């Protein structure tokens, strides 16, 4: 992705994170679970993990996590779920406290 296109997408993700996570601070250290809901076909494994970069960067910029380094985010798991329509496509991010496991 060209850097200017990446910047625009990142700004969208930051806005979404601020809107969805008003006042939210993730427990540190934490584990992240990304649930991708798609209607056409699943992404290749390497691409679906690479697609987590924007939301992670946005969570950092929005102040939800202090950093996305291994001391803050200890693991990242991605699940893909088939849905019937494009209207049902979404990404759901679950943040878990490592100490509670």
Protein backbone atom coordinates (compact mmCIF):
# COMPACT_ATOMS: atom_id res chain seq x y z
CA UNK A 1 0.00 0.00 0.00
CA UNK A 2 1.35 3.44 -0.94
CA UNK A 3 2.26 5.53 2.12
CA UNK A 4 -0.42 8.17 1.43
CA UNK A 5 -3.11 5.49 1.09
CA UNK A 6 -1.83 3.81 4.26
CA UNK A 7 -2.03 7.14 6.11
CA UNK A 8 -5.69 7.63 5.06
CA UNK A 9 -6.61 4.10 6.13
CA UNK A 10 -4.75 4.51 9.40
CA UNK A 11 -6.66 7.75 10.13
CA UNK A 12 -9.96 5.87 9.59
CA UNK A 13 -8.88 3.12 11.97
CA UNK A 14 -7.77 5.65 14.59
CA UNK A 15 -11.18 7.35 14.38
CA UNK A 16 -12.96 3.98 14.71
CA UNK A 17 -10.79 2.99 17.69
CA UNK A 18 -11.42 6.29 19.46
CA UNK A 19 -15.16 6.01 18.82
CA UNK A 20 -15.43 2.35 19.86
CA UNK A 21 -12.94 2.47 22.71
CA UNK A 22 -13.79 5.77 24.42
CA UNK A 23 -11.73 5.75 27.59
CA UNK A 24 -10.70 2.12 27.04
CA UNK A 25 -7.24 1.14 28.24
CA UNK A 26 -6.16 -2.41 27.55
CA UNK A 27 -4.66 -4.40 30.41
CA UNK A 28 -0.92 -4.72 29.96
CA UNK A 29 0.30 -7.28 29.13
CA UNK A 30 -2.60 -8.41 26.96
CA UNK A 31 -3.49 -10.91 24.27
CA UNK A 32 -5.37 -9.85 21.12
CA UNK A 33 -7.95 -11.89 19.26
CA UNK A 34 -9.03 -10.60 15.85
CA UNK A 35 -12.25 -12.03 14.42
CA UNK A 36 -12.68 -11.25 10.73
CA UNK A 37 -16.15 -11.78 9.26
CA UNK A 38 -16.08 -12.14 5.46
CA UNK A 39 -18.66 -13.09 2.82
CA UNK A 40 -16.62 -13.96 -0.28
CA UNK A 41 -13.51 -15.89 0.65
CA UNK A 42 -11.06 -16.03 3.55
CA UNK A 43 -7.74 -14.25 3.31
CA UNK A 44 -4.51 -16.22 3.09
CA UNK A 45 -3.00 -16.69 6.52
CA UNK A 46 -0.02 -14.39 5.93
CA UNK A 47 -2.28 -11.63 4.63
CA UNK A 48 -4.83 -11.85 7.43
CA UNK A 49 -2.09 -11.43 10.04
CA UNK A 50 -0.56 -8.55 8.05
CA UNK A 51 -4.01 -6.91 8.02
CA UNK A 52 -3.78 -6.59 11.81
CA UNK A 53 -1.05 -3.94 11.50
CA UNK A 54 -3.42 -1.02 10.87
CA UNK A 55 -5.76 -1.75 13.78
CA UNK A 56 -2.82 -2.35 16.15
CA UNK A 57 -1.17 0.92 15.09
CA UNK A 58 -4.52 2.68 15.49
CA UNK A 59 -5.01 1.25 19.00
CA UNK A 60 -1.59 2.62 19.91
CA UNK A 61 -2.36 6.05 18.41
CA UNK A 62 -5.79 6.12 20.13
CA UNK A 63 -4.14 5.38 23.50
CA UNK A 64 -5.80 1.98 23.98
CA UNK A 65 -2.41 0.27 24.16
CA UNK A 66 0.88 2.03 24.97
CA UNK A 67 2.74 0.05 22.30
CA UNK A 68 2.36 -3.04 20.14
CA UNK A 69 5.65 -4.59 21.21
CA UNK A 70 5.81 -8.10 22.76
CA UNK A 71 5.92 -6.66 26.30
CA UNK A 72 2.47 -5.09 25.80
CA UNK A 73 0.80 -7.46 23.33
CA UNK A 74 2.06 -10.95 24.09
CA UNK A 75 0.09 -12.83 21.43
CA UNK A 76 -2.12 -12.27 18.44
CA UNK A 77 -4.67 -14.80 17.19
CA UNK A 78 -6.85 -14.36 14.12
CA UNK A 79 -10.07 -16.19 13.30
CA UNK A 80 -12.05 -15.90 10.09
CA UNK A 81 -15.80 -16.45 10.01
CA UNK A 82 -18.00 -16.81 6.92
CA UNK A 83 -21.10 -14.56 6.74
CA UNK A 84 -23.84 -14.34 4.13
CA UNK A 85 -23.66 -10.72 2.95
CA UNK A 86 -21.19 -7.83 2.66
CA UNK A 87 -23.43 -5.97 5.11
CA UNK A 88 -22.44 -8.56 7.74
CA UNK A 89 -18.69 -8.13 7.20
CA UNK A 90 -16.84 -6.71 10.18
CA UNK A 91 -13.81 -7.04 12.38
CA UNK A 92 -14.23 -7.75 16.09
CA UNK A 93 -11.20 -7.36 18.34
CA UNK A 94 -11.13 -9.03 21.75
CA UNK A 95 -8.50 -7.90 24.27
CA UNK A 96 -7.69 -10.32 27.08
CA UNK A 97 -5.70 -9.73 30.23
CA UNK A 98 -2.76 -12.17 30.27
CA UNK A 99 -2.74 -12.22 34.07
CA UNK A 100 -6.36 -13.43 34.24
CA UNK A 101 -5.61 -16.68 32.38
